[in-house]
């Protein structure tokens, strides 16, 4: 293995094997993080809507109660 030209294909082969081994977990972790951010945003929007709905229902209830 003293011939330096063998190191180029050998390096490419090692890089390919490393890519095939590490790339799926990298992309999977990135997708999981993206879904976690989307879930957090969805929960935040849901909480905001529930607060608005609670305020609306409370104001309607108080208006109905005070009109009697």
N, C-alpha and C. Protein backbone atom coordinates (compact mmCIF):
# COMPACT_ATOMS: atom_id res chain seq x y z
N UNK A 1 0.83 -1.20 0.00
CA UNK A 1 0.00 0.00 0.00
C UNK A 1 0.86 1.26 0.00
N UNK A 2 1.96 1.17 -0.65
CA UNK A 2 2.83 2.35 -0.73
C UNK A 2 2.46 3.24 -1.90
N UNK A 3 1.64 2.74 -2.81
CA UNK A 3 1.22 3.53 -3.97
C UNK A 3 0.21 4.59 -3.52
N UNK A 4 0.51 5.88 -3.70
CA UNK A 4 -0.40 6.93 -3.19
C UNK A 4 -1.72 7.01 -3.94
N UNK A 5 -1.78 6.47 -5.15
CA UNK A 5 -3.04 6.57 -5.91
C UNK A 5 -4.13 5.68 -5.33
N UNK A 6 -3.77 4.71 -4.51
CA UNK A 6 -4.79 3.84 -3.91
C UNK A 6 -5.58 4.58 -2.84
N UNK A 7 -4.99 5.64 -2.30
CA UNK A 7 -5.66 6.34 -1.21
C UNK A 7 -6.87 7.14 -1.68
N UNK A 8 -6.90 7.54 -2.93
CA UNK A 8 -8.05 8.31 -3.44
C UNK A 8 -9.30 7.42 -3.48
N UNK A 9 -9.27 6.27 -4.17
CA UNK A 9 -10.48 5.43 -4.14
C UNK A 9 -10.79 4.87 -2.76
N UNK A 10 -9.74 4.59 -1.99
CA UNK A 10 -9.96 4.10 -0.63
C UNK A 10 -10.64 5.17 0.22
N UNK A 11 -10.19 6.41 0.09
CA UNK A 11 -10.82 7.52 0.82
C UNK A 11 -12.26 7.73 0.38
N UNK A 12 -12.51 7.61 -0.92
CA UNK A 12 -13.89 7.74 -1.41
C UNK A 12 -14.78 6.62 -0.87
N UNK A 13 -14.22 5.42 -0.81
CA UNK A 13 -14.98 4.29 -0.29
C UNK A 13 -15.30 4.49 1.20
N UNK A 14 -14.32 4.94 1.96
CA UNK A 14 -14.54 5.20 3.40
C UNK A 14 -15.56 6.32 3.58
N UNK A 15 -15.46 7.37 2.75
CA UNK A 15 -16.42 8.47 2.85
C UNK A 15 -17.83 7.99 2.51
N UNK A 16 -17.96 7.12 1.50
CA UNK A 16 -19.27 6.60 1.12
C UNK A 16 -19.87 5.76 2.25
N UNK A 17 -19.06 4.90 2.84
CA UNK A 17 -19.55 4.05 3.94
C UNK A 17 -19.95 4.92 5.13
N UNK A 18 -19.14 5.94 5.43
CA UNK A 18 -19.49 6.84 6.54
C UNK A 18 -20.79 7.59 6.24
N UNK A 19 -20.95 8.03 4.99
CA UNK A 19 -22.17 8.74 4.59
C UNK A 19 -23.39 7.83 4.75
N UNK A 20 -23.28 6.60 4.27
CA UNK A 20 -24.40 5.66 4.36
C UNK A 20 -24.74 5.33 5.81
N UNK A 21 -23.74 5.38 6.68
CA UNK A 21 -23.98 5.04 8.08
C UNK A 21 -24.53 6.22 8.87
N UNK A 22 -23.97 7.42 8.68
CA UNK A 22 -24.34 8.57 9.51
C UNK A 22 -25.46 9.43 8.93
N UNK A 23 -25.62 9.46 7.63
CA UNK A 23 -26.60 10.37 7.02
C UNK A 23 -28.04 10.07 7.43
N UNK A 24 -28.50 8.81 7.46
CA UNK A 24 -29.91 8.60 7.83
C UNK A 24 -30.25 9.12 9.22
N UNK A 25 -29.37 8.92 10.19
CA UNK A 25 -29.68 9.41 11.53
C UNK A 25 -29.67 10.93 11.57
N UNK A 26 -28.77 11.56 10.79
CA UNK A 26 -28.74 13.03 10.75
C UNK A 26 -30.05 13.58 10.20
N UNK A 27 -30.50 13.01 9.07
CA UNK A 27 -31.74 13.51 8.47
C UNK A 27 -32.95 13.16 9.32
N UNK A 28 -32.92 12.00 9.97
CA UNK A 28 -34.04 11.61 10.82
C UNK A 28 -34.12 12.54 12.03
N UNK A 29 -32.98 12.86 12.63
CA UNK A 29 -32.98 13.78 13.77
C UNK A 29 -33.47 15.16 13.34
N UNK A 30 -33.09 15.58 12.14
CA UNK A 30 -33.54 16.88 11.64
C UNK A 30 -35.05 16.89 11.44
N UNK A 31 -35.60 15.80 10.90
CA UNK A 31 -37.05 15.71 10.71
C UNK A 31 -37.78 15.66 12.05
N UNK A 32 -37.23 14.91 13.01
CA UNK A 32 -37.86 14.85 14.33
C UNK A 32 -37.87 16.21 14.99
N UNK A 33 -36.78 16.96 14.84
CA UNK A 33 -36.72 18.31 15.41
C UNK A 33 -37.73 19.22 14.72
N UNK A 34 -37.89 19.07 13.42
CA UNK A 34 -38.86 19.89 12.68
C UNK A 34 -40.27 19.58 13.14
N UNK A 35 -40.59 18.31 13.31
CA UNK A 35 -41.92 17.93 13.78
C UNK A 35 -42.16 18.41 15.20
N UNK A 36 -41.14 18.37 16.04
CA UNK A 36 -41.28 18.86 17.41
C UNK A 36 -41.57 20.36 17.41
N UNK A 37 -40.89 21.10 16.53
CA UNK A 37 -41.17 22.55 16.43
C UNK A 37 -42.58 22.79 15.94
N UNK A 38 -43.03 22.00 14.97
CA UNK A 38 -44.39 22.16 14.46
C UNK A 38 -45.41 21.84 15.54
N UNK A 39 -45.17 20.79 16.33
CA UNK A 39 -46.08 20.44 17.41
C UNK A 39 -46.14 21.54 18.46
N UNK A 40 -44.99 22.11 18.78
CA UNK A 40 -44.95 23.20 19.76
C UNK A 40 -45.73 24.40 19.25
N UNK A 41 -45.55 24.72 17.98
CA UNK A 41 -46.28 25.86 17.40
C UNK A 41 -47.78 25.58 17.39
N UNK A 42 -48.15 24.36 17.06
CA UNK A 42 -49.57 23.99 17.03
C UNK A 42 -50.19 24.08 18.43
N UNK A 43 -49.46 23.61 19.44
CA UNK A 43 -49.97 23.70 20.81
C UNK A 43 -50.10 25.16 21.25
N UNK A 44 -49.15 25.99 20.84
CA UNK A 44 -49.22 27.41 21.20
C UNK A 44 -50.45 28.05 20.55
N UNK A 45 -50.68 27.74 19.28
CA UNK A 45 -51.86 28.30 18.59
C UNK A 45 -53.15 27.79 19.23
N UNK A 46 -53.16 26.51 19.60
CA UNK A 46 -54.36 25.94 20.22
C UNK A 46 -54.64 26.61 21.56
N UNK A 47 -53.61 26.85 22.35
CA UNK A 47 -53.79 27.52 23.64
C UNK A 47 -54.29 28.94 23.44
N UNK A 48 -53.75 29.63 22.43
CA UNK A 48 -54.20 30.99 22.14
C UNK A 48 -55.67 31.01 21.74
N UNK A 49 -56.07 30.06 20.90
CA UNK A 49 -57.48 29.99 20.49
C UNK A 49 -58.39 29.64 21.66
N UNK A 50 -57.93 28.77 22.53
CA UNK A 50 -58.75 28.42 23.70
C UNK A 50 -58.91 29.61 24.63
N UNK A 51 -57.87 30.41 24.79
CA UNK A 51 -57.99 31.62 25.62
C UNK A 51 -58.98 32.60 25.00
N UNK A 52 -58.92 32.76 23.68
CA UNK A 52 -59.84 33.67 23.00
C UNK A 52 -61.27 33.15 23.11
N UNK A 53 -61.46 31.85 22.96
CA UNK A 53 -62.79 31.27 23.07
C UNK A 53 -63.32 31.39 24.49
N UNK A 54 -62.47 31.17 25.47
CA UNK A 54 -62.91 31.30 26.86
C UNK A 54 -63.31 32.74 27.16
N UNK A 55 -62.55 33.70 26.65
CA UNK A 55 -62.90 35.11 26.86
C UNK A 55 -64.22 35.44 26.17
N UNK A 56 -64.41 34.93 24.97
CA UNK A 56 -65.66 35.18 24.24
C UNK A 56 -66.85 34.57 24.97
N UNK A 57 -66.72 33.34 25.41
CA UNK A 57 -67.82 32.68 26.12
C UNK A 57 -68.10 33.37 27.45
N UNK A 58 -67.05 33.80 28.13
CA UNK A 58 -67.24 34.49 29.41
C UNK A 58 -67.96 35.81 29.19
N UNK A 59 -67.60 36.53 28.14
CA UNK A 59 -68.26 37.82 27.90
C UNK A 59 -69.72 37.61 27.51
N UNK A 60 -70.01 36.57 26.74
CA UNK A 60 -71.41 36.29 26.38
C UNK A 60 -72.21 35.86 27.60
N UNK A 61 -71.59 35.05 28.46
CA UNK A 61 -72.27 34.60 29.66
C UNK A 61 -72.57 35.79 30.57
N UNK A 62 -71.58 36.66 30.75
CA UNK A 62 -71.80 37.83 31.61
C UNK A 62 -72.83 38.77 31.02
N UNK A 63 -72.82 38.93 29.69
CA UNK A 63 -73.81 39.80 29.05
C UNK A 63 -75.21 39.23 29.24
N UNK A 64 -75.35 37.93 29.10
CA UNK A 64 -76.66 37.30 29.27
C UNK A 64 -77.10 37.39 30.73
N UNK A 65 -76.15 37.17 31.64
CA UNK A 65 -76.48 37.20 33.06
C UNK A 65 -76.88 38.61 33.50
N UNK A 66 -76.18 39.62 32.99
CA UNK A 66 -76.47 41.00 33.39
C UNK A 66 -77.75 41.53 32.75
N UNK A 67 -78.18 40.93 31.63
CA UNK A 67 -79.38 41.44 30.95
C UNK A 67 -80.66 40.95 31.62
N UNK A 68 -80.59 40.06 32.56
CA UNK A 68 -81.80 39.55 33.23
C UNK A 68 -82.35 40.51 34.23
